[in-house]
Amino acid sequence: RAISQIADAETAMRINDLERTDQMIIATDDSLALAYARTPDALRDPIAQLRRDAGVLREDLYLRPEGIDARLARLRQTLLALIAERR
């Protein structure tokens, strides 16, 4: 779910819809929180880091929006890599 939400945030950012982008980052953090609760201890640190990264994105969204789309793409790629690594 988080991957889809990040992709939605990227799309919203491309059309400069900061409010929708913010909502999707919040939704992503909520999904990551659920994953964190259901994940074995060994994988919790990477998920916690993803949540911190999402939080920093939110903080920067209205203050420094330039480059947020690229940072969202990196967050999505990191999450995809974590999932691939687990399989």
Protein backbone atom coordinates (compact mmCIF):
# COMPACT_ATOMS: atom_id res chain seq x y z
CA ARG A 1 0.00 0.00 0.00
CA ALA A 2 2.79 2.45 0.86
CA ILE A 3 4.32 2.10 -2.61
CA SER A 4 1.05 3.09 -4.23
CA GLN A 5 0.65 6.01 -1.84
CA ILE A 6 4.15 7.27 -2.58
CA ALA A 7 3.41 7.04 -6.32
CA ASP A 8 0.23 9.07 -5.73
CA ALA A 9 2.27 11.65 -3.81
CA GLU A 10 4.71 11.88 -6.72
CA THR A 11 1.85 12.45 -9.15
CA ALA A 12 0.34 15.13 -6.92
CA MET A 13 3.71 16.83 -6.59
CA ARG A 14 4.14 16.91 -10.38
CA ILE A 15 0.96 18.97 -10.68
CA ASN A 16 1.99 21.10 -7.70
CA ASP A 17 -0.85 19.88 -5.48
CA LEU A 18 0.95 20.25 -2.15
CA GLU A 19 -2.11 19.45 -0.04
CA ARG A 20 -2.69 16.11 -1.82
CA THR A 21 1.03 15.35 -1.64
CA ASP A 22 0.94 15.97 2.11
CA GLN A 23 -2.09 13.70 2.51
CA MET A 24 -0.36 10.92 0.59
CA ILE A 25 2.82 11.23 2.68
CA ILE A 26 0.68 10.95 5.83
CA ALA A 27 -1.05 7.88 4.38
CA THR A 28 2.35 6.40 3.52
CA ASP A 29 3.54 6.88 7.10
CA ASP A 30 0.37 5.22 8.39
CA SER A 31 0.95 2.23 6.11
CA LEU A 32 4.57 2.00 7.20
CA ALA A 33 3.45 2.14 10.84
CA LEU A 34 1.21 -0.87 10.22
CA ALA A 35 4.07 -2.70 8.49
CA TYR A 36 6.38 -1.88 11.39
CA ALA A 37 3.95 -3.42 13.87
CA ARG A 38 3.67 -6.62 11.81
CA THR A 39 7.35 -7.03 10.92
CA PRO A 40 9.95 -9.15 12.69
CA ASP A 41 12.42 -7.18 14.78
CA ALA A 42 15.23 -7.62 12.25
CA LEU A 43 13.37 -5.57 9.64
CA ARG A 44 12.02 -2.85 11.89
CA ASP A 45 15.02 -0.53 11.64
CA PRO A 46 14.70 -0.04 7.85
CA ILE A 47 10.97 0.63 8.19
CA ALA A 48 11.61 3.09 11.01
CA GLN A 49 14.12 4.88 8.75
CA LEU A 50 11.54 5.05 5.95
CA ARG A 51 9.10 6.61 8.39
CA ARG A 52 11.70 9.19 9.45
CA ASP A 53 12.38 9.97 5.79
CA ALA A 54 8.65 10.45 5.16
CA GLY A 55 8.49 12.78 8.16
CA VAL A 56 11.35 14.90 6.84
CA LEU A 57 9.61 15.07 3.46
CA ARG A 58 6.48 16.39 5.15
CA GLU A 59 8.46 18.98 7.07
CA ASP A 60 10.16 20.17 3.88
CA LEU A 61 7.09 20.07 1.64
CA TYR A 62 5.89 23.61 2.22
CA LEU A 63 9.25 25.12 3.16
CA ARG A 64 11.46 23.64 0.44
CA PRO A 65 9.26 21.92 -2.17
CA GLU A 66 11.96 21.81 -4.83
CA GLY A 67 13.29 18.30 -5.26
CA ILE A 68 10.50 16.65 -3.26
CA ASP A 69 9.41 14.63 -6.30
CA ALA A 70 12.92 13.15 -6.64
CA ARG A 71 13.05 12.43 -2.92
CA LEU A 72 9.67 10.67 -3.12
CA ALA A 73 11.00 8.57 -5.99
CA ARG A 74 14.03 7.60 -3.87
CA LEU A 75 11.75 6.70 -0.96
CA ARG A 76 9.68 4.49 -3.27
CA GLN A 77 12.81 2.82 -4.66
CA THR A 78 14.13 2.18 -1.15
CA LEU A 79 10.85 0.58 -0.15
CA LEU A 80 10.82 -1.57 -3.30
CA ALA A 81 14.39 -2.68 -2.55
CA LEU A 82 13.45 -3.59 1.02
CA ILE A 83 10.55 -5.71 -0.24
CA ALA A 84 12.72 -7.40 -2.87
CA GLU A 85 15.41 -8.09 -0.27
CA ARG A 86 12.88 -9.79 1.99
CA ARG A 87 11.81 -12.27 -0.71
